[in-house]
């Protein structure tokens, strides 16, 4: 795999259905970036309740999935338009698992969660069906926590190292929409998922 591009975003005002909203979803390409515990230096997450933090510090998407969106849904995309920081040439959500490591030069990232679509996505694209289409596509990309920070440069090779957990990004994505059992919830809680997912799943488990 190869890192094709790097993107950071600023807080910006968008309009959808006559209403304004602020978001950092639109991320623009940069020639290099410094990665720290909270992600790429200079990158902004406006809604910190649902985005950002140490367990969702960096978001990556695959160019091959962008190609799929164009072919299957005639959706014109470009790097950074889904809110991702990194565009990697290709990876399969069925073959990337919670706890896997991605090494990009001196930077080491650990997979935590898939991206779950929100209304900001539809608002940004001005496409009311996009949340449903994103859910049905099961091409969520992946969030990382930063194990080792450093400098990132486009064109760097990406090394994928399997971890010790069998929760793929596609399975995790679908699990968010499924009816859950206590045993299944505990399996996810035993994995190095993000704090947001952990709190949500623990709350569901406690209510059983």
C-alpha atoms as a PDB file:
ATOM      1  CA  UNK A   1       0.000   0.000   0.000  1.00  0.00           C
ATOM      2  CA  UNK A   2       1.002   3.611  -0.492  1.00  0.00           C
ATOM      3  CA  UNK A   3      -0.009   6.921   1.064  1.00  0.00           C
ATOM      4  CA  UNK A   4      -1.304   8.976  -1.857  1.00  0.00           C
ATOM      5  CA  UNK A   5      -2.191  12.247  -0.127  1.00  0.00           C
ATOM      6  CA  UNK A   6      -2.501  14.017   3.237  1.00  0.00           C
ATOM      7  CA  UNK A   7      -5.326  16.401   4.180  1.00  0.00           C
ATOM      8  CA  UNK A   8      -6.127  18.841   6.963  1.00  0.00           C
ATOM      9  CA  UNK A   9      -9.240  20.964   7.458  1.00  0.00           C
ATOM     10  CA  UNK A  10     -10.279  24.239   9.025  1.00  0.00           C
ATOM     11  CA  UNK A  11     -13.638  25.188  10.496  1.00  0.00           C
ATOM     12  CA  UNK A  12     -15.844  26.371   7.634  1.00  0.00           C
ATOM     13  CA  UNK A  13     -19.495  27.351   7.177  1.00  0.00           C
ATOM     14  CA  UNK A  14     -21.637  25.328   4.770  1.00  0.00           C
ATOM     15  CA  UNK A  15     -25.286  25.635   3.766  1.00  0.00           C
ATOM     16  CA  UNK A  16     -27.684  22.722   3.273  1.00  0.00           C
ATOM     17  CA  UNK A  17     -31.477  22.940   2.889  1.00  0.00           C
ATOM     18  CA  UNK A  18     -31.299  26.623   3.709  1.00  0.00           C
ATOM     19  CA  UNK A  19     -29.530  26.081   7.021  1.00  0.00           C
ATOM     20  CA  UNK A  20     -25.937  26.918   7.866  1.00  0.00           C
ATOM     21  CA  UNK A  21     -23.604  24.606   9.746  1.00  0.00           C
ATOM     22  CA  UNK A  22     -19.923  24.695  10.641  1.00  0.00           C
ATOM     23  CA  UNK A  23     -17.685  21.712  10.080  1.00  0.00           C
ATOM     24  CA  UNK A  24     -14.113  20.665   9.430  1.00  0.00           C
ATOM     25  CA  UNK A  25     -15.227  17.884   7.043  1.00  0.00           C
ATOM     26  CA  UNK A  26     -13.655  19.522   3.973  1.00  0.00           C
ATOM     27  CA  UNK A  27      -9.951  18.796   4.214  1.00  0.00           C
ATOM     28  CA  UNK A  28      -7.389  20.162   1.777  1.00  0.00           C
ATOM     29  CA  UNK A  29      -4.148  18.520   0.567  1.00  0.00           C
ATOM     30  CA  UNK A  30      -0.818  19.394   2.142  1.00  0.00           C
ATOM     31  CA  UNK A  31       2.725  18.410   1.176  1.00  0.00           C
ATOM     32  CA  UNK A  32       3.553  17.075   4.649  1.00  0.00           C
ATOM     33  CA  UNK A  33       2.104  16.901   8.136  1.00  0.00           C
ATOM     34  CA  UNK A  34       3.218  16.427  11.712  1.00  0.00           C
ATOM     35  CA  UNK A  35       1.291  13.744  13.594  1.00  0.00           C
ATOM     36  CA  UNK A  36       0.829  13.943  17.348  1.00  0.00           C
ATOM     37  CA  UNK A  37      -1.408  12.240  19.905  1.00  0.00           C
ATOM     38  CA  UNK A  38      -4.497  14.159  18.750  1.00  0.00           C
ATOM     39  CA  UNK A  39      -3.849  13.818  15.041  1.00  0.00           C
ATOM     40  CA  UNK A  40      -2.413  16.044  12.338  1.00  0.00           C
ATOM     41  CA  UNK A  41      -1.139  19.406  13.506  1.00  0.00           C
ATOM     42  CA  UNK A  42      -3.482  22.141  12.265  1.00  0.00           C
ATOM     43  CA  UNK A  43      -6.415  19.838  11.562  1.00  0.00           C
ATOM     44  CA  UNK A  44      -9.762  20.863  13.071  1.00  0.00           C
ATOM     45  CA  UNK A  45     -12.744  18.853  14.324  1.00  0.00           C
ATOM     46  CA  UNK A  46     -15.621  21.211  15.038  1.00  0.00           C
ATOM     47  CA  UNK A  47     -17.997  18.781  16.765  1.00  0.00           C
ATOM     48  CA  UNK A  48     -15.704  17.299  19.389  1.00  0.00           C
ATOM     49  CA  UNK A  49     -18.540  15.313  20.960  1.00  0.00           C
ATOM     50  CA  UNK A  50     -18.533  12.956  17.999  1.00  0.00           C
ATOM     51  CA  UNK A  51     -15.195  13.568  16.264  1.00  0.00           C
ATOM     52  CA  UNK A  52     -11.525  13.660  17.141  1.00  0.00           C
ATOM     53  CA  UNK A  53      -9.728  12.799  20.363  1.00  0.00           C
ATOM     54  CA  UNK A  54      -6.876  10.333  20.959  1.00  0.00           C
ATOM     55  CA  UNK A  55      -8.856   7.278  19.771  1.00  0.00           C
ATOM     56  CA  UNK A  56     -10.086   8.902  16.559  1.00  0.00           C
ATOM     57  CA  UNK A  57      -7.068  11.085  15.910  1.00  0.00           C
ATOM     58  CA  UNK A  58      -6.564  10.198  12.246  1.00  0.00           C
ATOM     59  CA  UNK A  59      -9.057   9.077   9.601  1.00  0.00           C
ATOM     60  CA  UNK A  60      -8.062   7.224   6.420  1.00  0.00           C
ATOM     61  CA  UNK A  61      -9.954   6.334   3.266  1.00  0.00           C
ATOM     62  CA  UNK A  62      -9.035   4.285   0.211  1.00  0.00           C
ATOM     63  CA  UNK A  63      -8.733   5.658  -3.311  1.00  0.00           C
ATOM     64  CA  UNK A  64     -10.174   2.364  -4.544  1.00  0.00           C
ATOM     65  CA  UNK A  65     -13.348   3.112  -2.555  1.00  0.00           C
ATOM     66  CA  UNK A  66     -13.589   6.593  -4.084  1.00  0.00           C
ATOM     67  CA  UNK A  67     -13.360   4.934  -7.503  1.00  0.00           C
ATOM     68  CA  UNK A  68     -16.258   2.679  -6.457  1.00  0.00           C
ATOM     69  CA  UNK A  69     -18.412   5.663  -5.469  1.00  0.00           C
ATOM     70  CA  UNK A  70     -17.918   7.178  -8.897  1.00  0.00           C
ATOM     71  CA  UNK A  71     -18.692   3.939 -10.735  1.00  0.00           C
ATOM     72  CA  UNK A  72     -21.636   2.792  -8.624  1.00  0.00           C
ATOM     73  CA  UNK A  73     -23.242   6.079  -7.551  1.00  0.00           C
ATOM     74  CA  UNK A  74     -21.846   8.683  -9.962  1.00  0.00           C
ATOM     75  CA  UNK A  75     -20.572  10.531  -6.902  1.00  0.00           C
ATOM     76  CA  UNK A  76     -17.736  12.891  -7.725  1.00  0.00           C
ATOM     77  CA  UNK A  77     -15.199  12.736  -4.920  1.00  0.00           C
ATOM     78  CA  UNK A  78     -11.735  14.002  -4.152  1.00  0.00           C
ATOM     79  CA  UNK A  79      -9.261  13.345  -1.378  1.00  0.00           C
ATOM     80  CA  UNK A  80     -10.429  14.921   1.870  1.00  0.00           C
ATOM     81  CA  UNK A  81     -14.104  15.210   0.946  1.00  0.00           C
ATOM     82  CA  UNK A  82     -15.269  12.548   3.434  1.00  0.00           C
ATOM     83  CA  UNK A  83     -13.289  14.221   6.207  1.00  0.00           C
ATOM     84  CA  UNK A  84     -10.303  11.912   5.887  1.00  0.00           C
ATOM     85  CA  UNK A  85      -6.751  12.923   6.688  1.00  0.00           C
ATOM     86  CA  UNK A  86      -5.058  10.188   4.692  1.00  0.00           C
ATOM     87  CA  UNK A  87      -5.823   8.704   1.300  1.00  0.00           C
ATOM     88  CA  UNK A  88      -4.266   5.269   0.840  1.00  0.00           C
ATOM     89  CA  UNK A  89      -4.310   3.660  -2.599  1.00  0.00           C
ATOM     90  CA  UNK A  90      -6.260   0.565  -1.569  1.00  0.00           C
ATOM     91  CA  UNK A  91      -7.367  -1.448   1.440  1.00  0.00           C
ATOM     92  CA  UNK A  92     -10.339  -3.714   2.089  1.00  0.00           C
ATOM     93  CA  UNK A  93     -12.635  -3.082   5.080  1.00  0.00           C
ATOM     94  CA  UNK A  94     -13.045  -6.858   5.334  1.00  0.00           C
ATOM     95  CA  UNK A  95      -9.307  -7.280   5.838  1.00  0.00           C
ATOM     96  CA  UNK A  96      -8.508  -4.471   8.294  1.00  0.00           C
ATOM     97  CA  UNK A  97      -9.157  -5.224  11.969  1.00  0.00           C
ATOM     98  CA  UNK A  98      -9.357  -3.395  15.275  1.00  0.00           C
ATOM     99  CA  UNK A  99      -5.868  -3.313  16.786  1.00  0.00           C
ATOM    100  CA  UNK A 100      -4.028  -3.615  13.462  1.00  0.00           C
ATOM    101  CA  UNK A 101      -1.059  -1.301  13.007  1.00  0.00           C
ATOM    102  CA  UNK A 102      -0.314   0.848   9.959  1.00  0.00           C
ATOM    103  CA  UNK A 103       3.276   2.071   9.749  1.00  0.00           C
ATOM    104  CA  UNK A 104       3.892   5.029   7.443  1.00  0.00           C
ATOM    105  CA  UNK A 105       7.517   6.068   7.579  1.00  0.00           C
ATOM    106  CA  UNK A 106       8.229   6.864  11.232  1.00  0.00           C
ATOM    107  CA  UNK A 107       4.524   7.109  12.145  1.00  0.00           C
ATOM    108  CA  UNK A 108       2.705   4.136  13.703  1.00  0.00           C
ATOM    109  CA  UNK A 109      -1.098   4.137  13.829  1.00  0.00           C
ATOM    110  CA  UNK A 110      -3.483   1.657  15.470  1.00  0.00           C
ATOM    111  CA  UNK A 111      -6.916   0.910  14.003  1.00  0.00           C
ATOM    112  CA  UNK A 112      -9.797   1.665  16.377  1.00  0.00           C
ATOM    113  CA  UNK A 113     -13.142   2.227  14.635  1.00  0.00           C
ATOM    114  CA  UNK A 114     -14.863   2.515  11.269  1.00  0.00           C
ATOM    115  CA  UNK A 115     -16.447   5.834  10.359  1.00  0.00           C
ATOM    116  CA  UNK A 116     -20.210   5.955  11.002  1.00  0.00           C
ATOM    117  CA  UNK A 117     -21.979   8.443   8.681  1.00  0.00           C
ATOM    118  CA  UNK A 118     -23.725  11.486  10.135  1.00  0.00           C
ATOM    119  CA  UNK A 119     -25.949  14.212   8.732  1.00  0.00           C
ATOM    120  CA  UNK A 120     -22.913  16.432   8.086  1.00  0.00           C
ATOM    121  CA  UNK A 121     -21.906  14.083   5.275  1.00  0.00           C
ATOM    122  CA  UNK A 122     -25.232  14.490   3.463  1.00  0.00           C
ATOM    123  CA  UNK A 123     -25.242  18.217   4.161  1.00  0.00           C
ATOM    124  CA  UNK A 124     -21.765  18.747   2.776  1.00  0.00           C
ATOM    125  CA  UNK A 125     -22.526  16.864  -0.452  1.00  0.00           C
ATOM    126  CA  UNK A 126     -26.081  18.291  -0.619  1.00  0.00           C
ATOM    127  CA  UNK A 127     -27.241  14.734  -1.202  1.00  0.00           C
ATOM    128  CA  UNK A 128     -30.007  13.591   1.151  1.00  0.00           C
ATOM    129  CA  UNK A 129     -29.526   9.902   0.244  1.00  0.00           C
ATOM    130  CA  UNK A 130     -25.822   9.803   1.070  1.00  0.00           C
ATOM    131  CA  UNK A 131     -26.135   8.568   4.677  1.00  0.00           C
ATOM    132  CA  UNK A 132     -28.201   5.606   3.474  1.00  0.00           C
ATOM    133  CA  UNK A 133     -25.855   4.970   0.555  1.00  0.00           C
ATOM    134  CA  UNK A 134     -22.808   5.145   2.826  1.00  0.00           C
ATOM    135  CA  UNK A 135     -24.386   2.643   5.198  1.00  0.00           C
ATOM    136  CA  UNK A 136     -25.279   0.238   2.393  1.00  0.00           C
ATOM    137  CA  UNK A 137     -21.854   0.572   0.764  1.00  0.00           C
ATOM    138  CA  UNK A 138     -19.952  -0.707   3.850  1.00  0.00           C
ATOM    139  CA  UNK A 139     -16.864   1.214   2.771  1.00  0.00           C
ATOM    140  CA  UNK A 140     -16.343   3.205   5.977  1.00  0.00           C
ATOM    141  CA  UNK A 141     -12.620   3.845   6.059  1.00  0.00           C
ATOM    142  CA  UNK A 142     -10.960   3.643   9.459  1.00  0.00           C
ATOM    143  CA  UNK A 143      -9.990   5.725  12.458  1.00  0.00           C
ATOM    144  CA  UNK A 144      -6.628   5.411  14.209  1.00  0.00           C
ATOM    145  CA  UNK A 145      -5.039   6.237  17.522  1.00  0.00           C
ATOM    146  CA  UNK A 146      -1.435   7.373  17.289  1.00  0.00           C
ATOM    147  CA  UNK A 147       1.104   4.922  18.716  1.00  0.00           C
ATOM    148  CA  UNK A 148       4.112   6.852  17.452  1.00  0.00           C
ATOM    149  CA  UNK A 149       3.978  10.345  16.006  1.00  0.00           C
ATOM    150  CA  UNK A 150       6.230  11.959  13.462  1.00  0.00           C
ATOM    151  CA  UNK A 151       6.260  13.407   9.962  1.00  0.00           C
ATOM    152  CA  UNK A 152       4.119  12.170   7.084  1.00  0.00           C
ATOM    153  CA  UNK A 153       4.791  12.629   3.371  1.00  0.00           C
ATOM    154  CA  UNK A 154       2.729  11.583   0.328  1.00  0.00           C
ATOM    155  CA  UNK A 155       4.230   8.707  -1.602  1.00  0.00           C
ATOM    156  CA  UNK A 156       5.403   6.856   1.507  1.00  0.00           C
ATOM    157  CA  UNK A 157       4.853   3.099   1.626  1.00  0.00           C
ATOM    158  CA  UNK A 158       2.262   1.869   4.136  1.00  0.00           C
ATOM    159  CA  UNK A 159       2.950  -1.321   6.075  1.00  0.00           C
ATOM    160  CA  UNK A 160      -0.085  -3.151   7.489  1.00  0.00           C
ATOM    161  CA  UNK A 161       0.565  -5.415  10.495  1.00  0.00           C
ATOM    162  CA  UNK A 162      -2.240  -7.645  11.792  1.00  0.00           C
ATOM    163  CA  UNK A 163      -3.084  -7.423  15.480  1.00  0.00           C
ATOM    164  CA  UNK A 164      -4.690  -9.938  17.826  1.00  0.00           C
ATOM    165  CA  UNK A 165      -8.369  -9.174  17.254  1.00  0.00           C
ATOM    166  CA  UNK A 166     -10.881 -10.544  14.744  1.00  0.00           C
ATOM    167  CA  UNK A 167     -13.189  -7.543  14.446  1.00  0.00           C
ATOM    168  CA  UNK A 168     -12.936  -6.216  10.901  1.00  0.00           C
ATOM    169  CA  UNK A 169     -13.914  -2.691   9.932  1.00  0.00           C
ATOM    170  CA  UNK A 170     -16.830  -3.982   7.868  1.00  0.00           C
ATOM    171  CA  UNK A 171     -18.086  -6.202  10.719  1.00  0.00           C
ATOM    172  CA  UNK A 172     -17.694  -3.344  13.222  1.00  0.00           C
ATOM    173  CA  UNK A 173     -19.543  -0.967  10.892  1.00  0.00           C
ATOM    174  CA  UNK A 174     -22.468  -3.365  10.492  1.00  0.00           C
ATOM    175  CA  UNK A 175     -22.486  -4.134  14.231  1.00  0.00           C
ATOM    176  CA  UNK A 176     -23.420  -0.530  14.948  1.00  0.00           C
ATOM    177  CA  UNK A 177     -26.732  -1.089  13.155  1.00  0.00           C
ATOM    178  CA  UNK A 178     -27.431  -4.634  14.366  1.00  0.00           C
ATOM    179  CA  UNK A 179     -29.364  -6.064  17.286  1.00  0.00           C
ATOM    180  CA  UNK A 180     -26.701  -6.964  19.846  1.00  0.00           C
ATOM    181  CA  UNK A 181     -26.271  -9.669  22.455  1.00  0.00           C
ATOM    182  CA  UNK A 182     -24.400  -9.284  25.735  1.00  0.00           C
ATOM    183  CA  UNK A 183     -21.749 -11.733  24.523  1.00  0.00           C
ATOM    184  CA  UNK A 184     -21.169  -9.774  21.318  1.00  0.00           C
ATOM    185  CA  UNK A 185     -20.972  -6.457  23.148  1.00  0.00           C
ATOM    186  CA  UNK A 186     -18.411  -7.874  25.559  1.00  0.00           C
ATOM    187  CA  UNK A 187     -16.275  -9.099  22.649  1.00  0.00           C
ATOM    188  CA  UNK A 188     -16.080  -5.555  21.330  1.00  0.00           C
ATOM    189  CA  UNK A 189     -15.433  -4.134  24.796  1.00  0.00           C
ATOM    190  CA  UNK A 190     -12.465  -6.498  25.136  1.00  0.00           C
ATOM    191  CA  UNK A 191     -10.883  -4.996  21.998  1.00  0.00           C
ATOM    192  CA  UNK A 192      -8.987  -1.667  21.724  1.00  0.00           C
ATOM    193  CA  UNK A 193     -11.933   0.270  20.269  1.00  0.00           C
ATOM    194  CA  UNK A 194     -12.400   4.019  20.748  1.00  0.00           C
ATOM    195  CA  UNK A 195     -13.677   5.572  23.966  1.00  0.00           C
ATOM    196  CA  UNK A 196     -16.838   6.737  22.185  1.00  0.00           C
ATOM    197  CA  UNK A 197     -17.707   3.230  21.000  1.00  0.00           C
ATOM    198  CA  UNK A 198     -16.729   1.773  24.363  1.00  0.00           C
ATOM    199  CA  UNK A 199     -19.055   4.108  26.271  1.00  0.00           C
ATOM    200  CA  UNK A 200     -21.911   3.395  23.864  1.00  0.00           C
ATOM    201  CA  UNK A 201     -21.496  -0.380  23.992  1.00  0.00           C
ATOM    202  CA  UNK A 202     -21.026  -0.414  27.769  1.00  0.00           C
ATOM    203  CA  UNK A 203     -24.254   1.550  28.172  1.00  0.00           C
ATOM    204  CA  UNK A 204     -26.081  -0.962  25.978  1.00  0.00           C
ATOM    205  CA  UNK A 205     -24.607  -3.870  27.922  1.00  0.00           C
ATOM    206  CA  UNK A 206     -25.552  -2.320  31.288  1.00  0.00           C
ATOM    207  CA  UNK A 207     -29.143  -1.883  30.135  1.00  0.00           C
ATOM    208  CA  UNK A 208     -29.581  -5.604  29.386  1.00  0.00           C
END
